Amino acid sequence: MGPMVHNGGSESPGDDGSASARTPARTPRRAPRSFDDLVTEGAAVPTDGWDFSWFEGRAAEARPSWGYARAMAGRLARADAVLDVQTGGGEVLAEALTHTAAPGPTATPTTAPAPNPVPSAPGPTAPRTPSTLAAPAPALVVATEGWGPNVRRATRLLGPLGVAVVASPEDAPLPFADGAFDLVVSRHPVRPHWDEIARVLRPGGRYFAQHVGPASVFELVEFFLGPQPDAVRSARHPDRERADAEAAGLDVVELRAERLRMEFHDIGAVVHFLRKVVWMVPGFTVTEYEERLRALHARIESDGPFVAHSTRHLFDARKP
């Protein structure tokens, strides 16, 4: 497992796709620090963008076996016009654009689907300049993002790679013409707008995305909020998303799901995670949840890392 990674509407950032990332790694225990020190640190870390490198040694998440960023790199090399929906800070798209990956089919996973992971390989690499790209870049690459701080971050990161970043609310129609793209990608969209995805794709175009699945990180969610109803736990189910994609006129070529291990090694990491991934515990503040935070801190100190599981699914859909 590697440091936690996220983007768009989910929990975590970068994917290296290595098989070893699926094996939990032990993180050396540090000298004990006080609850107040850890919480103060977790509450002070900036939350813009989807670079999760701050979690190194403090929290970790196993990567899906398919290695989304590397698989996306192969798709980019074969595309002419690409749209990245809900790009976050642009980290995953930048990683895909700069991967040393030859064009070719998506790699076959080395392991079967499983529950959520812990420490994995390093997150996104530093972007290279366009002249050093390993594979041919598409003629046109555009990204959308709805949150102001991420729009600015993505513009700084992706601009040197020739990517136009368009500010567009996540729930608004995509501001592009019908059939403008032959590839639409997205990593952890808050909610896929299937009708809009189908509209902007050309005939024969593909939607290639990694989504967050149902009941993701719900061990942590339910520690703070209590048991959640079935309707909440089953939201984002891949079978329902398949039906919605098909209703929009797309053919689902491939749909794979995995459950992956996560670990939180200190309460500061939990605080930062809940501040950054705001839909986990809506309205989270340290003051509002201090009692539960203290209880979780005591549990981690006595029992070791708090274990949760994320869920992910890979979508490959085609417009006829």
Protein backbone atom coordinates (compact mmCIF):
# COMPACT_ATOMS: atom_id res chain seq x y z
CA MET A 1 0.00 0.00 0.00
CA GLY A 2 1.03 3.54 -0.39
CA PRO A 3 0.16 6.98 0.88
CA MET A 4 -3.46 7.91 0.51
CA VAL A 5 -4.54 9.37 -2.83
CA HIS A 6 -7.86 11.04 -3.90
CA ASN A 7 -9.57 13.12 -6.51
CA GLY A 8 -12.84 14.71 -7.47
CA GLY A 9 -15.73 13.16 -5.61
CA SER A 10 -14.15 10.44 -3.57
CA GLU A 11 -11.61 9.81 -1.05
CA SER A 12 -7.93 9.41 -2.42
CA PRO A 13 -5.08 10.56 -5.25
CA GLY A 14 -2.51 8.70 -7.67
CA ASP A 15 -2.54 5.09 -8.85
CA ASP A 16 0.57 3.18 -9.76
CA GLY A 17 -1.19 -0.13 -10.23
CA SER A 18 1.58 -2.28 -8.83
CA ALA A 19 0.58 -5.66 -7.46
CA SER A 20 2.66 -5.06 -4.34
CA ALA A 21 0.42 -2.12 -3.51
CA ARG A 22 -2.25 -4.63 -2.55
CA THR A 23 -0.19 -6.01 0.35
CA PRO A 24 -0.51 -4.02 3.58
CA ALA A 25 2.78 -2.53 4.70
CA ARG A 26 3.77 -1.89 8.28
CA THR A 27 4.47 1.73 9.22
CA PRO A 28 6.93 2.21 12.10
CA ARG A 29 5.21 3.65 15.16
CA ARG A 30 6.37 7.12 16.11
CA ALA A 31 6.86 8.48 19.59
CA PRO A 32 3.43 9.22 21.08
CA ARG A 33 2.11 12.74 20.51
CA SER A 34 -0.71 14.40 22.34
CA PHE A 35 -4.27 14.50 21.03
CA ASP A 36 -4.18 18.31 20.95
CA ASP A 37 -0.92 18.45 18.96
CA LEU A 38 -2.12 15.94 16.38
CA VAL A 39 -5.54 17.54 15.95
CA THR A 40 -4.03 21.03 15.66
CA GLU A 41 -1.68 19.80 12.94
CA GLY A 42 -4.44 17.99 11.02
CA ALA A 43 -6.66 21.05 11.21
CA ALA A 44 -3.97 23.39 9.85
CA VAL A 45 -2.98 21.56 6.64
CA PRO A 46 -4.38 23.20 3.48
CA THR A 47 -7.09 21.12 1.77
CA ASP A 48 -6.97 22.38 -1.81
CA GLY A 49 -5.98 20.03 -4.62
CA TRP A 50 -5.79 16.24 -4.51
CA ASP A 51 -2.14 15.75 -3.55
CA PHE A 52 -2.29 13.37 -0.58
CA SER A 53 1.48 13.24 0.02
CA TRP A 54 0.99 14.78 3.48
CA PHE A 55 -0.44 11.42 4.59
CA GLU A 56 2.88 9.62 3.98
CA GLY A 57 3.56 7.50 7.09
CA ARG A 58 0.29 8.63 8.70
CA ALA A 59 -2.39 7.02 6.55
CA ALA A 60 -2.34 4.69 3.58
CA GLU A 61 -4.65 3.15 1.01
CA ALA A 62 -4.14 0.17 -1.29
CA ARG A 63 -4.36 0.91 -5.01
CA PRO A 64 -6.74 -0.84 -7.42
CA SER A 65 -5.01 -3.53 -9.44
CA TRP A 66 -5.80 -1.89 -12.78
CA GLY A 67 -3.55 1.18 -12.21
CA TYR A 68 -5.89 3.88 -13.47
CA ALA A 69 -3.35 6.61 -14.28
CA ARG A 70 -1.19 4.23 -16.31
CA ALA A 71 -4.21 2.79 -18.10
CA MET A 72 -5.41 6.31 -18.85
CA ALA A 73 -1.99 7.16 -20.32
CA GLY A 74 -2.43 4.46 -22.97
CA ARG A 75 -5.89 5.81 -23.83
CA LEU A 76 -4.56 9.36 -24.10
CA ALA A 77 -1.87 8.26 -26.54
CA ARG A 78 -4.55 6.99 -28.93
CA ALA A 79 -6.99 9.92 -28.60
CA ASP A 80 -7.39 13.14 -30.57
CA ALA A 81 -9.64 15.21 -28.28
CA VAL A 82 -9.87 14.47 -24.54
CA LEU A 83 -12.02 15.82 -21.72
CA ASP A 84 -11.16 15.21 -18.05
CA VAL A 85 -14.30 15.82 -15.97
CA GLN A 86 -13.93 17.07 -12.38
CA THR A 87 -10.14 17.07 -12.53
CA GLY A 88 -9.61 18.27 -8.95
CA GLY A 89 -6.17 19.86 -8.84
CA GLY A 90 -5.23 18.15 -12.11
CA GLU A 91 -2.80 15.74 -10.45
CA VAL A 92 -4.10 12.52 -11.97
CA LEU A 93 -4.35 13.91 -15.50
CA ALA A 94 -0.83 15.34 -15.20
CA GLU A 95 0.43 11.95 -14.03
CA ALA A 96 -1.25 10.18 -16.95
CA LEU A 97 0.13 12.70 -19.45
CA THR A 98 3.66 12.22 -18.15
CA HIS A 99 3.66 8.45 -17.61
CA THR A 100 6.21 6.40 -19.51
CA ALA A 101 3.56 4.17 -21.04
CA ALA A 102 3.37 2.98 -24.62
CA PRO A 103 -0.04 2.95 -26.28
CA GLY A 104 -1.82 -0.33 -25.83
CA PRO A 105 -4.73 -2.11 -24.21
CA THR A 106 -5.50 -1.73 -20.53
CA ALA A 107 -3.31 -4.02 -18.44
CA THR A 108 -4.93 -7.16 -17.08
CA PRO A 109 -5.06 -7.12 -13.27
CA THR A 110 -2.74 -9.48 -11.47
CA THR A 111 -5.15 -10.07 -8.61
CA ALA A 112 -8.87 -10.49 -8.18
CA PRO A 113 -11.16 -7.82 -6.71
CA ALA A 114 -10.77 -7.45 -2.95
CA PRO A 115 -11.65 -5.16 0.02
CA ASN A 116 -10.00 -1.65 0.68
CA PRO A 117 -6.11 -1.23 1.06
CA VAL A 118 -3.28 0.51 3.08
CA PRO A 119 0.25 1.93 2.31
CA SER A 120 1.08 1.78 -1.38
CA ALA A 121 3.45 3.28 -3.86
CA PRO A 122 4.18 7.00 -4.07
CA GLY A 123 1.50 9.30 -5.45
CA PRO A 124 1.60 11.35 -8.65
CA THR A 125 5.01 12.20 -10.03
CA ALA A 126 6.09 15.74 -10.74
CA PRO A 127 4.84 16.84 -14.16
CA ARG A 128 7.29 16.98 -17.03
CA THR A 129 7.28 19.56 -19.74
CA PRO A 130 5.43 18.71 -22.97
CA SER A 131 8.73 18.12 -24.78
CA THR A 132 9.53 15.17 -22.47
CA LEU A 133 6.22 13.33 -22.77
CA ALA A 134 6.80 9.63 -23.28
CA ALA A 135 3.82 9.04 -25.54
CA PRO A 136 2.13 11.25 -28.15
CA ALA A 137 -0.18 13.76 -26.52
CA PRO A 138 -3.69 14.30 -27.91
CA ALA A 139 -4.18 17.36 -30.11
CA LEU A 140 -6.72 18.74 -27.62
CA VAL A 141 -6.97 18.13 -23.86
CA VAL A 142 -9.49 20.02 -21.74
CA ALA A 143 -10.31 19.63 -18.04
CA THR A 144 -13.27 20.88 -16.01
CA GLU A 145 -13.37 21.66 -12.28
CA GLY A 146 -15.96 23.39 -10.12
CA TRP A 147 -14.15 24.44 -6.92
CA GLY A 148 -12.25 27.73 -7.20
CA PRO A 149 -9.05 26.74 -5.34
CA ASN A 150 -8.77 23.58 -7.42
CA VAL A 151 -9.40 25.49 -10.66
CA ARG A 152 -6.39 27.68 -9.86
CA ARG A 153 -4.27 24.72 -8.80
CA ALA A 154 -5.16 22.70 -11.89
CA THR A 155 -4.45 25.67 -14.16
CA ARG A 156 -0.96 26.05 -12.69
CA LEU A 157 -0.23 22.34 -13.00
CA LEU A 158 -1.84 21.56 -16.35
CA GLY A 159 -1.21 24.78 -18.25
CA PRO A 160 2.47 23.92 -18.96
CA LEU A 161 1.26 20.59 -20.35
CA GLY A 162 -0.98 22.35 -22.87
CA VAL A 163 -4.24 21.55 -21.06
CA ALA A 164 -7.06 24.12 -20.93
CA VAL A 165 -8.84 24.17 -17.54
CA VAL A 166 -12.48 25.30 -17.65
CA ALA A 167 -14.31 26.38 -14.48
CA SER A 168 -17.61 24.50 -14.54
CA PRO A 169 -19.84 23.51 -11.60
CA GLU A 170 -20.07 19.75 -11.13
CA ASP A 171 -23.88 19.76 -11.51
CA ALA A 172 -23.98 22.04 -14.58
CA PRO A 173 -24.20 20.88 -18.22
CA LEU A 174 -20.79 20.43 -19.76
CA PRO A 175 -19.88 23.65 -21.65
CA PHE A 176 -18.92 21.88 -24.88
CA ALA A 177 -20.52 21.09 -28.21
CA ASP A 178 -22.13 17.76 -29.04
CA GLY A 179 -19.59 15.17 -30.18
CA ALA A 180 -16.58 17.31 -29.25
CA PHE A 181 -14.43 14.51 -27.76
CA ASP A 182 -13.41 10.98 -28.60
CA LEU A 183 -12.32 10.28 -25.00
CA VAL A 184 -13.83 11.44 -21.70
CA VAL A 185 -12.00 10.50 -18.50
CA SER A 186 -12.69 11.11 -14.83
CA ARG A 187 -11.19 9.93 -11.58
CA HIS A 188 -13.64 9.87 -8.70
CA PRO A 189 -16.36 12.20 -10.02
CA VAL A 190 -18.84 13.31 -7.38
CA ARG A 191 -21.58 12.00 -9.64
CA PRO A 192 -21.27 10.98 -13.30
CA HIS A 193 -23.68 12.94 -15.51
CA TRP A 194 -24.29 10.21 -18.04
CA ASP A 195 -26.48 12.19 -20.43
CA GLU A 196 -23.85 14.93 -20.70
CA ILE A 197 -21.01 12.44 -21.08
CA ALA A 198 -22.88 10.71 -23.90
CA ARG A 199 -23.71 14.05 -25.54
CA VAL A 200 -20.11 15.33 -25.77
CA LEU A 201 -18.71 12.00 -26.98
CA ARG A 202 -18.32 11.33 -30.68
CA PRO A 203 -19.77 8.11 -32.11
CA GLY A 204 -17.29 5.41 -31.20
CA GLY A 205 -15.87 7.55 -28.38
CA ARG A 206 -15.10 6.13 -24.95
CA TYR A 207 -15.71 7.05 -21.33
CA PHE A 208 -12.87 5.67 -19.21
CA ALA A 209 -13.11 6.42 -15.51
CA GLN A 210 -12.48 5.24 -11.98
CA HIS A 211 -15.44 5.77 -9.64
CA VAL A 212 -15.87 5.55 -5.90
CA GLY A 213 -18.14 2.65 -5.01
CA PRO A 214 -20.79 2.02 -2.37
CA ALA A 215 -20.13 2.30 1.40
CA SER A 216 -16.60 3.52 0.80
CA VAL A 217 -14.67 4.17 4.04
CA PHE A 218 -17.90 3.56 5.94
CA GLU A 219 -16.06 2.15 8.96
CA LEU A 220 -14.87 5.73 9.54
CA VAL A 221 -18.15 7.35 8.48
CA GLU A 222 -20.19 5.19 10.85
CA PHE A 223 -17.73 5.70 13.73
CA PHE A 224 -18.73 9.38 13.62
CA LEU A 225 -22.31 9.23 12.34
CA GLY A 226 -23.56 5.84 13.50
CA PRO A 227 -25.13 3.15 11.28
CA GLN A 228 -26.26 4.48 7.92
CA PRO A 229 -29.45 3.39 6.11
CA ASP A 230 -29.26 0.91 3.25
CA ALA A 231 -30.09 3.63 0.72
CA VAL A 232 -26.99 5.56 1.77
CA ARG A 233 -24.76 2.50 1.94
CA SER A 234 -25.77 1.34 -1.55
CA ALA A 235 -25.36 4.71 -3.28
CA ARG A 236 -22.82 4.65 -6.13
CA HIS A 237 -23.40 0.94 -6.69
CA PRO A 238 -21.73 -0.12 -9.96
CA ASP A 239 -24.81 -2.05 -11.13
CA ARG A 240 -26.94 1.07 -10.79
CA GLU A 241 -24.34 3.18 -12.58
CA ARG A 242 -24.19 0.61 -15.39
CA ALA A 243 -27.96 0.89 -15.81
CA ASP A 244 -27.74 4.71 -15.84
CA ALA A 245 -24.94 4.67 -18.43
CA GLU A 246 -26.93 2.33 -20.68
CA ALA A 247 -30.05 4.47 -20.28
CA ALA A 248 -27.99 7.42 -21.59
CA GLY A 249 -27.14 5.40 -24.71
CA LEU A 250 -23.68 4.10 -23.81
CA ASP A 251 -22.51 0.50 -24.15
CA VAL A 252 -20.59 -0.64 -21.07
CA VAL A 253 -17.57 -2.53 -22.41
CA GLU A 254 -15.99 -3.29 -19.04
CA LEU A 255 -16.93 -2.75 -15.40
CA ARG A 256 -14.65 -3.98 -12.61
CA ALA A 257 -14.89 -3.43 -8.86
CA GLU A 258 -12.49 -3.82 -5.95
CA ARG A 259 -12.57 -3.23 -2.20
CA LEU A 260 -9.30 -1.90 -0.77
CA ARG A 261 -7.74 -1.61 2.67
CA MET A 262 -7.05 1.78 4.28
CA GLU A 263 -5.24 2.58 7.55
CA PHE A 264 -5.19 5.72 9.68
CA HIS A 265 -2.16 5.81 11.97
CA ASP A 266 -2.98 8.92 14.01
CA ILE A 267 -5.91 11.19 14.75
CA GLY A 268 -4.30 14.10 12.90
CA ALA A 269 -4.60 12.10 9.68
CA VAL A 270 -8.27 11.44 10.41
CA VAL A 271 -8.92 15.15 10.98
CA HIS A 272 -7.19 16.18 7.77
CA PHE A 273 -8.96 13.46 5.79
CA LEU A 274 -12.42 14.51 7.02
CA ARG A 275 -11.63 18.18 6.29
CA LYS A 276 -10.41 17.32 2.80
CA VAL A 277 -13.04 14.76 1.81
CA VAL A 278 -15.98 16.79 3.07
CA TRP A 279 -18.75 14.42 1.97
CA MET A 280 -17.57 11.69 4.35
CA VAL A 281 -18.92 13.40 7.50
CA PRO A 282 -20.88 16.45 6.29
CA GLY A 283 -20.32 19.53 8.43
CA PHE A 284 -17.30 17.99 10.17
CA THR A 285 -15.45 20.26 12.62
CA VAL A 286 -13.09 19.37 15.44
CA THR A 287 -15.31 21.16 17.94
CA GLU A 288 -18.49 19.37 16.84
CA TYR A 289 -16.88 15.91 16.92
CA GLU A 290 -14.30 16.33 19.67
CA GLU A 291 -15.74 13.54 21.84
CA ARG A 292 -15.63 10.99 19.00
CA LEU A 293 -12.17 12.19 17.95
CA ARG A 294 -10.86 11.64 21.48
CA ALA A 295 -12.39 8.17 21.54
CA LEU A 296 -10.79 7.29 18.20
CA HIS A 297 -7.44 8.70 19.32
CA ALA A 298 -7.52 6.46 22.40
CA ARG A 299 -8.41 3.46 20.24
CA ILE A 300 -5.52 4.07 17.80
CA GLU A 301 -3.08 4.58 20.68
CA SER A 302 -4.12 1.31 22.32
CA ASP A 303 -4.91 -0.94 19.34
CA GLY A 304 -2.90 0.47 16.43
CA PRO A 305 -4.11 1.85 13.07
CA PHE A 306 -7.81 2.32 12.44
CA VAL A 307 -8.69 0.12 9.46
CA ALA A 308 -11.33 1.02 6.88
CA HIS A 309 -12.04 -0.05 3.32
CA SER A 310 -12.54 2.02 0.18
CA THR A 311 -14.46 0.75 -2.85
CA ARG A 312 -13.55 1.53 -6.45
CA HIS A 313 -14.87 0.53 -9.85
CA LEU A 314 -13.42 0.96 -13.32
CA PHE A 315 -15.74 2.01 -16.13
CA ASP A 316 -15.05 1.60 -19.82
CA ALA A 317 -18.09 2.62 -21.86
CA ARG A 318 -18.52 3.30 -25.59
CA LYS A 319 -20.86 5.54 -27.49
CA PRO A 320 -22.31 3.55 -30.46
